[in-house]
Amino acid sequence: MRPFYIIPLVFPALGLANKAEDNSAAVLFGNDYEFSVARGPCVNLKKGQPTFHEIKVTGHDVCTVYANLKCDTEVREFRAGVHEITNVVFKSIKCSTSEEL
């Protein structure tokens, strides 16, 4: 009988894990370093973070990198796929779902 009590507790936890994963719009890759970026807010990078070499934007998402920490001086926009960003200088990033579906 105890397995029936455990099952209802496991499924809600799996749902929360999937929801958190679904909110990720992009991953920045550096040397042995990954940084996930969620949809919505402006994300400021810190001085101590490594140089990123690639950005992987998921599904129907669009991510824009900015020259300042306020996300108001656009440098470049990235759509779904993997993009080389070694020579792109940016201090913040903001991702959202593309309006073109």
PDB file of N, CA and C in Angstrom:
ATOM      1  N   MET A   1       0.818  -1.202   0.000  1.00  0.00           N
ATOM      2  CA  MET A   1       0.000   0.000   0.000  1.00  0.00           C
ATOM      3  C   MET A   1       0.859   1.263   0.000  1.00  0.00           C
ATOM      4  N   ARG A   2       2.003   1.254   0.577  1.00  0.00           N
ATOM      5  CA  ARG A   2       2.817   2.464   0.660  1.00  0.00           C
ATOM      6  C   ARG A   2       3.208   3.037  -0.709  1.00  0.00           C
ATOM      7  N   PRO A   3       3.464   2.235  -1.740  1.00  0.00           N
ATOM      8  CA  PRO A   3       3.803   2.832  -3.034  1.00  0.00           C
ATOM      9  C   PRO A   3       2.717   3.779  -3.544  1.00  0.00           C
ATOM     10  N   PHE A   4       1.450   3.529  -3.202  1.00  0.00           N
ATOM     11  CA  PHE A   4       0.369   4.404  -3.648  1.00  0.00           C
ATOM     12  C   PHE A   4       0.454   5.776  -2.982  1.00  0.00           C
ATOM     13  N   TYR A   5       1.015   5.829  -1.792  1.00  0.00           N
ATOM     14  CA  TYR A   5       1.181   7.111  -1.111  1.00  0.00           C
ATOM     15  C   TYR A   5       2.362   7.895  -1.680  1.00  0.00           C
ATOM     16  N   ILE A   6       3.378   7.221  -2.149  1.00  0.00           N
ATOM     17  CA  ILE A   6       4.566   7.871  -2.693  1.00  0.00           C
ATOM     18  C   ILE A   6       4.289   8.463  -4.070  1.00  0.00           C
ATOM     19  N   ILE A   7       3.536   7.772  -4.904  1.00  0.00           N
ATOM     20  CA  ILE A   7       3.287   8.213  -6.279  1.00  0.00           C
ATOM     21  C   ILE A   7       2.678   9.610  -6.342  1.00  0.00           C
ATOM     22  N   PRO A   8       1.652   9.932  -5.566  1.00  0.00           N
ATOM     23  CA  PRO A   8       1.115  11.296  -5.652  1.00  0.00           C
ATOM     24  C   PRO A   8       2.127  12.379  -5.269  1.00  0.00           C
ATOM     25  N   LEU A   9       3.100  12.047  -4.444  1.00  0.00           N
ATOM     26  CA  LEU A   9       4.109  13.026  -4.060  1.00  0.00           C
ATOM     27  C   LEU A   9       5.170  13.213  -5.139  1.00  0.00           C
ATOM     28  N   VAL A  10       5.440  12.192  -5.930  1.00  0.00           N
ATOM     29  CA  VAL A  10       6.474  12.251  -6.959  1.00  0.00           C
ATOM     30  C   VAL A  10       6.025  13.081  -8.150  1.00  0.00           C
ATOM     31  N   PHE A  11       4.805  12.909  -8.617  1.00  0.00           N
ATOM     32  CA  PHE A  11       4.351  13.593  -9.828  1.00  0.00           C
ATOM     33  C   PHE A  11       4.332  15.116  -9.711  1.00  0.00           C
ATOM     34  N   PRO A  12       3.896  15.716  -8.610  1.00  0.00           N
ATOM     35  CA  PRO A  12       3.980  17.179  -8.521  1.00  0.00           C
ATOM     36  C   PRO A  12       5.422  17.688  -8.582  1.00  0.00           C
ATOM     37  N   ALA A  13       6.353  16.956  -8.004  1.00  0.00           N
ATOM     38  CA  ALA A  13       7.758  17.360  -8.048  1.00  0.00           C
ATOM     39  C   ALA A  13       8.280  17.331  -9.479  1.00  0.00           C
ATOM     40  N   LEU A  14       7.887  16.342 -10.258  1.00  0.00           N
ATOM     41  CA  LEU A  14       8.295  16.280 -11.660  1.00  0.00           C
ATOM     42  C   LEU A  14       7.719  17.450 -12.439  1.00  0.00           C
ATOM     43  N   GLY A  15       6.511  17.835 -12.136  1.00  0.00           N
ATOM     44  CA  GLY A  15       5.882  18.971 -12.802  1.00  0.00           C
ATOM     45  C   GLY A  15       6.632  20.266 -12.533  1.00  0.00           C
ATOM     46  N   LEU A  16       7.110  20.456 -11.317  1.00  0.00           N
ATOM     47  CA  LEU A  16       7.874  21.659 -10.989  1.00  0.00           C
ATOM     48  C   LEU A  16       9.203  21.681 -11.720  1.00  0.00           C
ATOM     49  N   ALA A  17       9.847  20.536 -11.849  1.00  0.00           N
ATOM     50  CA  ALA A  17      11.116  20.467 -12.572  1.00  0.00           C
ATOM     51  C   ALA A  17      10.914  20.825 -14.033  1.00  0.00           C
ATOM     52  N   ASN A  18       9.861  20.321 -14.648  1.00  0.00           N
ATOM     53  CA  ASN A  18       9.591  20.633 -16.045  1.00  0.00           C
ATOM     54  C   ASN A  18       9.249  22.101 -16.227  1.00  0.00           C
ATOM     55  N   LYS A  19       8.508  22.675 -15.295  1.00  0.00           N
ATOM     56  CA  LYS A  19       8.129  24.082 -15.406  1.00  0.00           C
ATOM     57  C   LYS A  19       9.363  24.974 -15.340  1.00  0.00           C
ATOM     58  N   ALA A  20      10.288  24.667 -14.454  1.00  0.00           N
ATOM     59  CA  ALA A  20      11.516  25.456 -14.351  1.00  0.00           C
ATOM     60  C   ALA A  20      12.330  25.336 -15.627  1.00  0.00           C
ATOM     61  N   GLU A  21      12.393  24.131 -16.193  1.00  0.00           N
ATOM     62  CA  GLU A  21      13.134  23.903 -17.422  1.00  0.00           C
ATOM     63  C   GLU A  21      12.474  24.625 -18.587  1.00  0.00           C
ATOM     64  N   ASP A  22      11.145  24.680 -18.621  1.00  0.00           N
ATOM     65  CA  ASP A  22      10.411  25.339 -19.692  1.00  0.00           C
ATOM     66  C   ASP A  22      10.652  26.840 -19.701  1.00  0.00           C
ATOM     67  N   ASN A  23      11.022  27.430 -18.583  1.00  0.00           N
ATOM     68  CA  ASN A  23      11.224  28.869 -18.502  1.00  0.00           C
ATOM     69  C   ASN A  23      12.582  29.294 -19.059  1.00  0.00           C
ATOM     70  N   SER A  24      13.479  28.356 -19.294  1.00  0.00           N
ATOM     71  CA  SER A  24      14.793  28.672 -19.826  1.00  0.00           C
ATOM     72  C   SER A  24      14.696  28.957 -21.318  1.00  0.00           C
ATOM     73  N   ALA A  25      15.166  30.127 -21.729  1.00  0.00           N
ATOM     74  CA  ALA A  25      15.096  30.528 -23.136  1.00  0.00           C
ATOM     75  C   ALA A  25      16.426  30.339 -23.843  1.00  0.00           C
ATOM     76  N   ALA A  26      17.520  30.377 -23.082  1.00  0.00           N
ATOM     77  CA  ALA A  26      18.836  30.274 -23.701  1.00  0.00           C
ATOM     78  C   ALA A  26      19.854  29.783 -22.688  1.00  0.00           C
ATOM     79  N   VAL A  27      20.965  29.285 -23.215  1.00  0.00           N
ATOM     80  CA  VAL A  27      22.094  28.897 -22.386  1.00  0.00           C
ATOM     81  C   VAL A  27      23.334  29.519 -23.004  1.00  0.00           C
ATOM     82  N   LEU A  28      24.115  30.213 -22.180  1.00  0.00           N
ATOM     83  CA  LEU A  28      25.392  30.761 -22.611  1.00  0.00           C
ATOM     84  C   LEU A  28      26.470  29.761 -22.234  1.00  0.00           C
ATOM     85  N   PHE A  29      27.398  29.497 -23.156  1.00  0.00           N
ATOM     86  CA  PHE A  29      28.455  28.527 -22.912  1.00  0.00           C
ATOM     87  C   PHE A  29      29.819  29.208 -22.904  1.00  0.00           C
ATOM     88  N   GLY A  30      30.616  28.922 -21.873  1.00  0.00           N
ATOM     89  CA  GLY A  30      31.997  29.387 -21.786  1.00  0.00           C
ATOM     90  C   GLY A  30      32.878  28.170 -21.603  1.00  0.00           C
ATOM     91  N   ASN A  31      34.124  28.360 -21.212  1.00  0.00           N
ATOM     92  CA  ASN A  31      35.013  27.227 -20.958  1.00  0.00           C
ATOM     93  C   ASN A  31      34.519  26.473 -19.730  1.00  0.00           C
ATOM     94  N   ASP A  32      33.964  25.283 -19.953  1.00  0.00           N
ATOM     95  CA  ASP A  32      33.446  24.449 -18.860  1.00  0.00           C
ATOM     96  C   ASP A  32      32.458  25.201 -17.970  1.00  0.00           C
ATOM     97  N   TYR A  33      31.656  26.072 -18.558  1.00  0.00           N
ATOM     98  CA  TYR A  33      30.721  26.897 -17.799  1.00  0.00           C
ATOM     99  C   TYR A  33      29.446  27.073 -18.609  1.00  0.00           C
ATOM    100  N   GLU A  34      28.309  26.906 -17.942  1.00  0.00           N
ATOM    101  CA  GLU A  34      27.009  27.132 -18.580  1.00  0.00           C
ATOM    102  C   GLU A  34      26.202  28.092 -17.714  1.00  0.00           C
ATOM    103  N   PHE A  35      25.484  28.999 -18.371  1.00  0.00           N
ATOM    104  CA  PHE A  35      24.674  29.986 -17.664  1.00  0.00           C
ATOM    105  C   PHE A  35      23.302  30.024 -18.324  1.00  0.00           C
ATOM    106  N   SER A  36      22.268  29.594 -17.612  1.00  0.00           N
ATOM    107  CA  SER A  36      20.906  29.577 -18.158  1.00  0.00           C
ATOM    108  C   SER A  36      20.262  30.950 -18.014  1.00  0.00           C
ATOM    109  N   VAL A  37      19.533  31.336 -19.057  1.00  0.00           N
ATOM    110  CA  VAL A  37      18.841  32.625 -19.066  1.00  0.00           C
ATOM    111  C   VAL A  37      17.346  32.359 -19.190  1.00  0.00           C
ATOM    112  N   ALA A  38      16.566  32.863 -18.239  1.00  0.00           N
ATOM    113  CA  ALA A  38      15.111  32.683 -18.249  1.00  0.00           C
ATOM    114  C   ALA A  38      14.454  33.752 -19.118  1.00  0.00           C
ATOM    115  N   ARG A  39      13.255  33.441 -19.582  1.00  0.00           N
ATOM    116  CA  ARG A  39      12.459  34.432 -20.321  1.00  0.00           C
ATOM    117  C   ARG A  39      12.019  35.536 -19.377  1.00  0.00           C
ATOM    118  N   GLY A  40      11.962  36.740 -19.896  1.00  0.00           N
ATOM    119  CA  GLY A  40      11.370  37.831 -19.141  1.00  0.00           C
ATOM    120  C   GLY A  40      12.317  38.914 -18.705  1.00  0.00           C
ATOM    121  N   PRO A  41      12.900  38.783 -17.515  1.00  0.00           N
ATOM    122  CA  PRO A  41      13.637  39.919 -16.964  1.00  0.00           C
ATOM    123  C   PRO A  41      14.979  40.155 -17.659  1.00  0.00           C
ATOM    124  N   CYS A  42      15.456  41.374 -17.523  1.00  0.00           N
ATOM    125  CA  CYS A  42      16.800  41.721 -17.985  1.00  0.00           C
ATOM    126  C   CYS A  42      17.787  41.040 -17.030  1.00  0.00           C
ATOM    127  N   VAL A  43      18.740  40.295 -17.576  1.00  0.00           N
ATOM    128  CA  VAL A  43      19.721  39.583 -16.758  1.00  0.00           C
ATOM    129  C   VAL A  43      21.074  40.265 -16.941  1.00  0.00           C
ATOM    130  N   ASN A  44      21.620  40.773 -15.857  1.00  0.00           N
ATOM    131  CA  ASN A  44      22.929  41.425 -15.898  1.00  0.00           C
ATOM    132  C   ASN A  44      24.023  40.405 -15.638  1.00  0.00           C
ATOM    133  N   LEU A  45      25.065  40.468 -16.440  1.00  0.00           N
ATOM    134  CA  LEU A  45      26.215  39.599 -16.234  1.00  0.00           C
ATOM    135  C   LEU A  45      27.159  40.278 -15.251  1.00  0.00           C
ATOM    136  N   LYS A  46      27.943  39.463 -14.554  1.00  0.00           N
ATOM    137  CA  LYS A  46      28.866  39.994 -13.557  1.00  0.00           C
ATOM    138  C   LYS A  46      30.284  40.002 -14.121  1.00  0.00           C
ATOM    139  N   LYS A  47      31.109  40.883 -13.605  1.00  0.00           N
ATOM    140  CA  LYS A  47      32.489  40.999 -14.084  1.00  0.00           C
ATOM    141  C   LYS A  47      33.264  39.695 -13.938  1.00  0.00           C
ATOM    142  N   GLY A  48      32.990  38.926 -12.922  1.00  0.00           N
ATOM    143  CA  GLY A  48      33.727  37.699 -12.659  1.00  0.00           C
ATOM    144  C   GLY A  48      33.351  36.522 -13.543  1.00  0.00           C
ATOM    145  N   GLN A  49      32.288  36.648 -14.326  1.00  0.00           N
ATOM    146  CA  GLN A  49      31.871  35.537 -15.177  1.00  0.00           C
ATOM    147  C   GLN A  49      32.828  35.395 -16.352  1.00  0.00           C
ATOM    148  N   PRO A  50      33.002  34.165 -16.846  1.00  0.00           N
ATOM    149  CA  PRO A  50      33.933  33.943 -17.958  1.00  0.00           C
ATOM    150  C   PRO A  50      33.413  34.538 -19.267  1.00  0.00           C
ATOM    151  N   THR A  51      34.292  34.585 -20.251  1.00  0.00           N
ATOM    152  CA  THR A  51      33.890  34.992 -21.592  1.00  0.00           C
ATOM    153  C   THR A  51      33.054  33.871 -22.186  1.00  0.00           C
ATOM    154  N   PHE A  52      31.923  34.211 -22.757  1.00  0.00           N
ATOM    155  CA  PHE A  52      31.061  33.205 -23.362  1.00  0.00           C
ATOM    156  C   PHE A  52      31.411  33.051 -24.834  1.00  0.00           C
ATOM    157  N   HIS A  53      31.359  31.800 -25.305  1.00  0.00           N
ATOM    158  CA  HIS A  53      31.718  31.495 -26.690  1.00  0.00           C
ATOM    159  C   HIS A  53      30.504  31.228 -27.563  1.00  0.00           C
ATOM    160  N   GLU A  54      29.456  30.693 -26.966  1.00  0.00           N
ATOM    161  CA  GLU A  54      28.251  30.337 -27.725  1.00  0.00           C
ATOM    162  C   GLU A  54      26.999  30.674 -26.932  1.00  0.00           C
ATOM    163  N   ILE A  55      25.935  30.922 -27.679  1.00  0.00           N
ATOM    164  CA  ILE A  55      24.612  31.047 -27.081  1.00  0.00           C
ATOM    165  C   ILE A  55      23.703  30.075 -27.820  1.00  0.00           C
ATOM    166  N   LYS A  56      22.945  29.311 -27.053  1.00  0.00           N
ATOM    167  CA  LYS A  56      21.968  28.391 -27.631  1.00  0.00           C
ATOM    168  C   LYS A  56      20.588  28.903 -27.236  1.00  0.00           C
ATOM    169  N   VAL A  57      19.844  29.371 -28.238  1.00  0.00           N
ATOM    170  CA  VAL A  57      18.499  29.894 -28.012  1.00  0.00           C
ATOM    171  C   VAL A  57      17.505  28.796 -28.372  1.00  0.00           C
ATOM    172  N   THR A  58      16.538  28.550 -27.513  1.00  0.00           N
ATOM    173  CA  THR A  58      15.606  27.438 -27.695  1.00  0.00           C
ATOM    174  C   THR A  58      14.347  27.821 -28.458  1.00  0.00           C
ATOM    175  N   GLY A  59      13.740  26.825 -29.073  1.00  0.00           N
ATOM    176  CA  GLY A  59      12.417  26.911 -29.695  1.00  0.00           C
ATOM    177  C   GLY A  59      12.064  28.186 -30.413  1.00  0.00           C
ATOM    178  N   HIS A  60      11.004  28.836 -29.959  1.00  0.00           N
ATOM    179  CA  HIS A  60      10.493  30.064 -30.570  1.00  0.00           C
ATOM    180  C   HIS A  60      10.956  31.301 -29.803  1.00  0.00           C
ATOM    181  N   ASP A  61      12.090  31.188 -29.128  1.00  0.00           N
ATOM    182  CA  ASP A  61      12.574  32.303 -28.319  1.00  0.00           C
ATOM    183  C   ASP A  61      13.508  33.221 -29.104  1.00  0.00           C
ATOM    184  N   VAL A  62      13.620  34.435 -28.621  1.00  0.00           N
ATOM    185  CA  VAL A  62      14.524  35.445 -29.163  1.00  0.00           C
ATOM    186  C   VAL A  62      15.268  36.046 -27.980  1.00  0.00           C
ATOM    187  N   CYS A  63      16.589  36.148 -28.092  1.00  0.00           N
ATOM    188  CA  CYS A  63      17.382  36.754 -27.030  1.00  0.00           C
ATOM    189  C   CYS A  63      18.177  37.920 -27.605  1.00  0.00           C
ATOM    190  N   THR A  64      18.162  39.019 -26.891  1.00  0.00           N
ATOM    191  CA  THR A  64      18.878  40.217 -27.307  1.00  0.00           C
ATOM    192  C   THR A  64      19.935  40.527 -26.263  1.00  0.00           C
ATOM    193  N   VAL A  65      21.157  40.813 -26.731  1.00  0.00           N
ATOM    194  CA  VAL A  65      22.229  41.204 -25.817  1.00  0.00           C
ATOM    195  C   VAL A  65      22.401  42.719 -25.900  1.00  0.00           C
ATOM    196  N   TYR A  66      22.796  43.298 -24.769  1.00  0.00           N
ATOM    197  CA  TYR A  66      22.862  44.753 -24.641  1.00  0.00           C
ATOM    198  C   TYR A  66      24.231  45.203 -24.138  1.00  0.00           C
ATOM    199  N   ALA A  67      24.613  46.416 -24.507  1.00  0.00           N
ATOM    200  CA  ALA A  67      25.912  46.972 -24.131  1.00  0.00           C
ATOM    201  C   ALA A  67      25.955  47.459 -22.685  1.00  0.00           C
ATOM    202  N   ASN A  68      24.795  47.714 -22.090  1.00  0.00           N
ATOM    203  CA  ASN A  68      24.774  48.222 -20.716  1.00  0.00           C
ATOM    204  C   ASN A  68      23.959  47.300 -19.810  1.00  0.00           C
ATOM    205  N   LEU A  69      23.863  47.666 -18.551  1.00  0.00           N
ATOM    206  CA  LEU A  69      23.160  46.837 -17.573  1.00  0.00           C
ATOM    207  C   LEU A  69      21.668  47.123 -17.487  1.00  0.00           C
ATOM    208  N   LYS A  70      21.151  48.021 -18.295  1.00  0.00           N
ATOM    209  CA  LYS A  70      19.735  48.377 -18.246  1.00  0.00           C
ATOM    210  C   LYS A  70      18.920  47.733 -19.363  1.00  0.00           C
ATOM    211  N   CYS A  71      19.564  46.971 -20.218  1.00  0.00           N
ATOM    212  CA  CYS A  71      18.898  46.354 -21.375  1.00  0.00           C
ATOM    213  C   CYS A  71      18.220  47.402 -22.257  1.00  0.00           C
ATOM    214  N   ASP A  72      18.924  48.508 -22.514  1.00  0.00           N
ATOM    215  CA  ASP A  72      18.325  49.496 -23.410  1.00  0.00           C
ATOM    216  C   ASP A  72      19.237  49.928 -24.566  1.00  0.00           C
ATOM    217  N   THR A  73      20.458  49.400 -24.631  1.00  0.00           N
ATOM    218  CA  THR A  73      21.362  49.691 -25.742  1.00  0.00           C
ATOM    219  C   THR A  73      21.669  48.374 -26.454  1.00  0.00           C
ATOM    220  N   GLU A  74      20.841  48.045 -27.445  1.00  0.00           N
ATOM    221  CA  GLU A  74      20.914  46.750 -28.120  1.00  0.00           C
ATOM    222  C   GLU A  74      22.211  46.589 -28.907  1.00  0.00           C
ATOM    223  N   VAL A  75      22.823  45.404 -28.759  1.00  0.00           N
ATOM    224  CA  VAL A  75      24.023  45.057 -29.516  1.00  0.00           C
ATOM    225  C   VAL A  75      23.663  44.114 -30.649  1.00  0.00           C
ATOM    226  N   ARG A  76      22.910  43.045 -30.317  1.00  0.00           N
ATOM    227  CA  ARG A  76      22.573  42.032 -31.321  1.00  0.00           C
ATOM    228  C   ARG A  76      21.429  41.162 -30.825  1.00  0.00           C
ATOM    229  N   GLU A  77      20.661  40.635 -31.776  1.00  0.00           N
ATOM    230  CA  GLU A  77      19.531  39.752 -31.468  1.00  0.00           C
ATOM    231  C   GLU A  77      19.833  38.360 -32.001  1.00  0.00           C
ATOM    232  N   PHE A  78      19.454  37.345 -31.225  1.00  0.00           N
ATOM    233  CA  PHE A  78      19.672  35.953 -31.611  1.00  0.00           C
ATOM    234  C   PHE A  78      18.348  35.202 -31.593  1.00  0.00           C
ATOM    235  N   ARG A  79      18.093  34.441 -32.639  1.00  0.00           N
ATOM    236  CA  ARG A  79      16.897  33.600 -32.727  1.00  0.00           C
ATOM    237  C   ARG A  79      17.298  32.153 -32.470  1.00  0.00           C
ATOM    238  N   ALA A  80      16.340  31.238 -32.515  1.00  0.00           N
ATOM    239  CA  ALA A  80      16.576  29.826 -32.201  1.00  0.00           C
ATOM    240  C   ALA A  80      17.803  29.281 -32.928  1.00  0.00           C
ATOM    241  N   GLY A  81      18.593  28.513 -32.188  1.00  0.00           N
ATOM    242  CA  GLY A  81      19.786  27.893 -32.746  1.00  0.00           C
ATOM    243  C   GLY A  81      20.999  28.170 -31.880  1.00  0.00           C
ATOM    244  N   VAL A  82      22.154  27.721 -32.368  1.00  0.00           N
ATOM    245  CA  VAL A  82      23.419  27.926 -31.665  1.00  0.00           C
ATOM    246  C   VAL A  82      24.208  28.985 -32.433  1.00  0.00           C
ATOM    247  N   HIS A  83      24.692  29.989 -31.716  1.00  0.00           N
ATOM    248  CA  HIS A  83      25.381  31.112 -32.349  1.00  0.00           C
ATOM    249  C   HIS A  83      26.726  31.361 -31.670  1.00  0.00           C
ATOM    250  N   GLU A  84      27.731  31.692 -32.465  1.00  0.00           N
ATOM    251  CA  GLU A  84      29.061  32.057 -31.980  1.00  0.00           C
ATOM    252  C   GLU A  84      29.003  33.482 -31.422  1.00  0.00           C
ATOM    253  N   ILE A  85      29.479  33.683 -30.189  1.00  0.00           N
ATOM    254  CA  ILE A  85      29.421  35.022 -29.581  1.00  0.00           C
ATOM    255  C   ILE A  85      30.751  35.439 -28.958  1.00  0.00           C
ATOM    256  N   THR A  86      31.842  34.773 -29.330  1.00  0.00           N
ATOM    257  CA  THR A  86      33.139  35.075 -28.725  1.00  0.00           C
ATOM    258  C   THR A  86      33.503  36.549 -28.856  1.00  0.00           C
ATOM    259  N   ASN A  87      33.235  37.153 -30.006  1.00  0.00           N
ATOM    260  CA  ASN A  87      33.619  38.548 -30.249  1.00  0.00           C
ATOM    261  C   ASN A  87      32.500  39.550 -29.987  1.00  0.00           C
ATOM    262  N   VAL A  88      31.403  39.100 -29.399  1.00  0.00           N
ATOM    263  CA  VAL A  88      30.281  39.992 -29.093  1.00  0.00           C
ATOM    264  C   VAL A  88      30.453  40.498 -27.658  1.00  0.00           C
ATOM    265  N   VAL A  89      30.548  41.802 -27.504  1.00  0.00           N
ATOM    266  CA  VAL A  89      30.732  42.397 -26.174  1.00  0.00           C
ATOM    267  C   VAL A  89      29.369  42.847 -25.657  1.00  0.00           C
ATOM    268  N   PHE A  90      28.968  42.296 -24.513  1.00  0.00           N
ATOM    269  CA  PHE A  90      27.675  42.658 -23.932  1.00  0.00           C
ATOM    270  C   PHE A  90      27.717  42.526 -22.421  1.00  0.00           C
ATOM    271  N   LYS A  91      26.827  43.269 -21.754  1.00  0.00           N
ATOM    272  CA  LYS A  91      26.762  43.262 -20.292  1.00  0.00           C
ATOM    273  C   LYS A  91      25.454  42.715 -19.746  1.00  0.00           C
ATOM    274  N   SER A  92      24.438  42.612 -20.606  1.00  0.00           N
ATOM    275  CA  SER A  92      23.153  42.074 -20.153  1.00  0.00           C
ATOM    276  C   SER A  92      22.459  41.374 -21.311  1.00  0.00           C
ATOM    277  N   ILE A  93      21.451  40.581 -20.962  1.00  0.00           N
ATOM    278  CA  ILE A  93      20.713  39.811 -21.956  1.00  0.00           C
ATOM    279  C   ILE A  93      19.251  39.734 -21.524  1.00  0.00           C
ATOM    280  N   LYS A  94      18.367  39.739 -22.504  1.00  0.00           N
ATOM    281  CA  LYS A  94      16.937  39.606 -22.224  1.00  0.00           C
ATOM    282  C   LYS A  94      16.334  38.702 -23.286  1.00  0.00           C
ATOM    283  N   CYS A  95      15.569  37.704 -22.851  1.00  0.00           N
ATOM    284  CA  CYS A  95      14.959  36.744 -23.767  1.00  0.00           C
ATOM    285  C   CYS A  95      13.439  36.784 -23.648  1.00  0.00           C
ATOM    286  N   SER A  96      12.778  36.507 -24.758  1.00  0.00           N
ATOM    287  CA  SER A  96      11.321  36.451 -24.778  1.00  0.00           C
ATOM    288  C   SER A  96      10.882  35.488 -25.867  1.00  0.00           C
ATOM    289  N   THR A  97       9.607  35.165 -25.864  1.00  0.00           N
ATOM    290  CA  THR A  97       9.055  34.317 -26.912  1.00  0.00           C
ATOM    291  C   THR A  97       8.855  35.169 -28.153  1.00  0.00           C
ATOM    292  N   SER A  98       9.264  34.624 -29.292  1.00  0.00           N
ATOM    293  CA  SER A  98       9.130  35.353 -30.551  1.00  0.00           C
ATOM    294  C   SER A  98       7.665  35.572 -30.884  1.00  0.00           C
ATOM    295  N   GLU A  99       7.354  36.722 -31.431  1.00  0.00           N
ATOM    296  CA  GLU A  99       5.982  37.015 -31.850  1.00  0.00           C
ATOM    297  C   GLU A  99       5.671  36.361 -33.184  1.00  0.00           C
ATOM    298  N   GLU A 100       6.704  35.889 -33.879  1.00  0.00           N
ATOM    299  CA  GLU A 100       6.526  35.224 -35.170  1.00  0.00           C
ATOM    300  C   GLU A 100       6.424  33.724 -34.940  1.00  0.00           C
ATOM    301  N   LEU A 101       5.243  33.191 -34.833  1.00  0.00           N
ATOM    302  CA  LEU A 101       5.062  31.752 -34.611  1.00  0.00           C
ATOM    303  C   LEU A 101       4.497  31.089 -35.818  1.00  0.00           C
TER     304      LEU A 101
END
